[in-house]
């Protein structure tokens, strides 16, 4: 098994668990988008791994979508850390 497949599967598993957790808190506890920074960093890392993997597989549309999400998380992390 190649390392890219291992990283992709780990990133997908972590991202799936975190997205389900975020959706759970959004729906049941009516929380907003302000999440702890460590959760945002982990999710940004997972999206970054997915973006890199899509670019290596020449799936450029999905790669750019995930790269945009990483940029949004980066701005959010910077905004939370600066304020």
C-alpha atoms as a PDB file:
ATOM      1  CA  UNK A   1       0.000   0.000   0.000  1.00  0.00           C
ATOM      2  CA  UNK A   2       1.388   3.399  -0.954  1.00  0.00           C
ATOM      3  CA  UNK A   3       1.866   6.187   1.556  1.00  0.00           C
ATOM      4  CA  UNK A   4      -0.513   8.510  -0.304  1.00  0.00           C
ATOM      5  CA  UNK A   5      -3.334   5.973   0.059  1.00  0.00           C
ATOM      6  CA  UNK A   6      -2.619   5.585   3.774  1.00  0.00           C
ATOM      7  CA  UNK A   7      -2.599   9.362   4.333  1.00  0.00           C
ATOM      8  CA  UNK A   8      -5.758   9.761   2.275  1.00  0.00           C
ATOM      9  CA  UNK A   9      -7.617   7.126   4.276  1.00  0.00           C
ATOM     10  CA  UNK A  10      -6.473   8.592   7.599  1.00  0.00           C
ATOM     11  CA  UNK A  11      -7.429  12.096   6.488  1.00  0.00           C
ATOM     12  CA  UNK A  12     -10.840  10.923   5.280  1.00  0.00           C
ATOM     13  CA  UNK A  13     -11.514   9.060   8.523  1.00  0.00           C
ATOM     14  CA  UNK A  14     -10.499  11.976  10.757  1.00  0.00           C
ATOM     15  CA  UNK A  15     -12.356  14.470   8.591  1.00  0.00           C
ATOM     16  CA  UNK A  16     -15.508  12.345   8.585  1.00  0.00           C
ATOM     17  CA  UNK A  17     -15.517  12.025  12.367  1.00  0.00           C
ATOM     18  CA  UNK A  18     -14.894  15.744  12.842  1.00  0.00           C
ATOM     19  CA  UNK A  19     -17.539  16.827  10.314  1.00  0.00           C
ATOM     20  CA  UNK A  20     -20.105  14.556  11.966  1.00  0.00           C
ATOM     21  CA  UNK A  21     -19.146  15.998  15.360  1.00  0.00           C
ATOM     22  CA  UNK A  22     -19.396  19.580  14.114  1.00  0.00           C
ATOM     23  CA  UNK A  23     -22.782  18.910  12.504  1.00  0.00           C
ATOM     24  CA  UNK A  24     -23.993  17.261  15.713  1.00  0.00           C
ATOM     25  CA  UNK A  25     -23.095  20.335  17.770  1.00  0.00           C
ATOM     26  CA  UNK A  26     -24.540  22.691  15.133  1.00  0.00           C
ATOM     27  CA  UNK A  27     -27.876  20.879  15.108  1.00  0.00           C
ATOM     28  CA  UNK A  28     -28.377  19.781  18.712  1.00  0.00           C
ATOM     29  CA  UNK A  29     -26.544  22.468  20.676  1.00  0.00           C
ATOM     30  CA  UNK A  30     -27.108  25.310  18.184  1.00  0.00           C
ATOM     31  CA  UNK A  31     -23.434  26.341  18.252  1.00  0.00           C
ATOM     32  CA  UNK A  32     -21.987  28.749  15.743  1.00  0.00           C
ATOM     33  CA  UNK A  33     -18.884  28.437  13.582  1.00  0.00           C
ATOM     34  CA  UNK A  34     -16.493  29.535  16.323  1.00  0.00           C
ATOM     35  CA  UNK A  35     -14.787  26.254  17.134  1.00  0.00           C
ATOM     36  CA  UNK A  36     -11.594  25.709  19.155  1.00  0.00           C
ATOM     37  CA  UNK A  37      -8.456  26.436  17.153  1.00  0.00           C
ATOM     38  CA  UNK A  38      -7.107  22.882  17.453  1.00  0.00           C
ATOM     39  CA  UNK A  39     -10.205  21.494  15.735  1.00  0.00           C
ATOM     40  CA  UNK A  40      -9.823  24.018  12.936  1.00  0.00           C
ATOM     41  CA  UNK A  41      -6.135  23.114  12.540  1.00  0.00           C
ATOM     42  CA  UNK A  42      -6.900  19.382  12.319  1.00  0.00           C
ATOM     43  CA  UNK A  43      -9.686  19.947   9.806  1.00  0.00           C
ATOM     44  CA  UNK A  44      -7.487  22.281   7.735  1.00  0.00           C
ATOM     45  CA  UNK A  45      -4.739  19.632   7.726  1.00  0.00           C
ATOM     46  CA  UNK A  46      -7.200  16.971   6.567  1.00  0.00           C
ATOM     47  CA  UNK A  47      -8.514  19.180   3.779  1.00  0.00           C
ATOM     48  CA  UNK A  48      -4.928  20.006   2.797  1.00  0.00           C
ATOM     49  CA  UNK A  49      -4.071  16.309   2.493  1.00  0.00           C
ATOM     50  CA  UNK A  50      -7.200  15.731   0.394  1.00  0.00           C
ATOM     51  CA  UNK A  51      -6.333  18.704  -1.802  1.00  0.00           C
ATOM     52  CA  UNK A  52      -2.779  17.486  -2.397  1.00  0.00           C
ATOM     53  CA  UNK A  53      -4.060  14.002  -3.153  1.00  0.00           C
ATOM     54  CA  UNK A  54      -6.576  15.322  -5.681  1.00  0.00           C
ATOM     55  CA  UNK A  55      -3.892  17.366  -7.416  1.00  0.00           C
ATOM     56  CA  UNK A  56      -1.640  14.294  -7.674  1.00  0.00           C
ATOM     57  CA  UNK A  57      -4.554  12.305  -9.123  1.00  0.00           C
ATOM     58  CA  UNK A  58      -5.150  15.177 -11.613  1.00  0.00           C
ATOM     59  CA  UNK A  59      -8.607  15.909 -10.229  1.00  0.00           C
ATOM     60  CA  UNK A  60      -8.028  19.630 -10.361  1.00  0.00           C
ATOM     61  CA  UNK A  61     -11.585  20.803  -9.667  1.00  0.00           C
ATOM     62  CA  UNK A  62     -11.815  18.956  -6.348  1.00  0.00           C
ATOM     63  CA  UNK A  63      -8.236  19.924  -5.528  1.00  0.00           C
ATOM     64  CA  UNK A  64      -9.041  23.623  -5.919  1.00  0.00           C
ATOM     65  CA  UNK A  65     -12.246  23.269  -3.902  1.00  0.00           C
ATOM     66  CA  UNK A  66     -10.362  21.675  -1.015  1.00  0.00           C
ATOM     67  CA  UNK A  67      -7.567  24.250  -1.359  1.00  0.00           C
ATOM     68  CA  UNK A  68     -10.193  26.994  -1.005  1.00  0.00           C
ATOM     69  CA  UNK A  69     -11.496  25.339   2.137  1.00  0.00           C
ATOM     70  CA  UNK A  70      -7.944  25.220   3.523  1.00  0.00           C
ATOM     71  CA  UNK A  71      -7.615  28.938   2.769  1.00  0.00           C
ATOM     72  CA  UNK A  72     -10.906  29.638   4.575  1.00  0.00           C
ATOM     73  CA  UNK A  73      -9.739  27.669   7.606  1.00  0.00           C
ATOM     74  CA  UNK A  74      -6.400  29.505   7.512  1.00  0.00           C
ATOM     75  CA  UNK A  75      -8.172  32.863   7.605  1.00  0.00           C
ATOM     76  CA  UNK A  76     -10.435  31.644  10.414  1.00  0.00           C
ATOM     77  CA  UNK A  77      -7.473  30.387  12.450  1.00  0.00           C
ATOM     78  CA  UNK A  78      -5.570  33.625  11.903  1.00  0.00           C
ATOM     79  CA  UNK A  79      -8.652  35.673  12.823  1.00  0.00           C
ATOM     80  CA  UNK A  80      -9.230  33.661  16.027  1.00  0.00           C
ATOM     81  CA  UNK A  81      -5.570  33.850  17.026  1.00  0.00           C
ATOM     82  CA  UNK A  82      -5.285  37.569  16.323  1.00  0.00           C
ATOM     83  CA  UNK A  83      -8.436  38.555  18.219  1.00  0.00           C
END
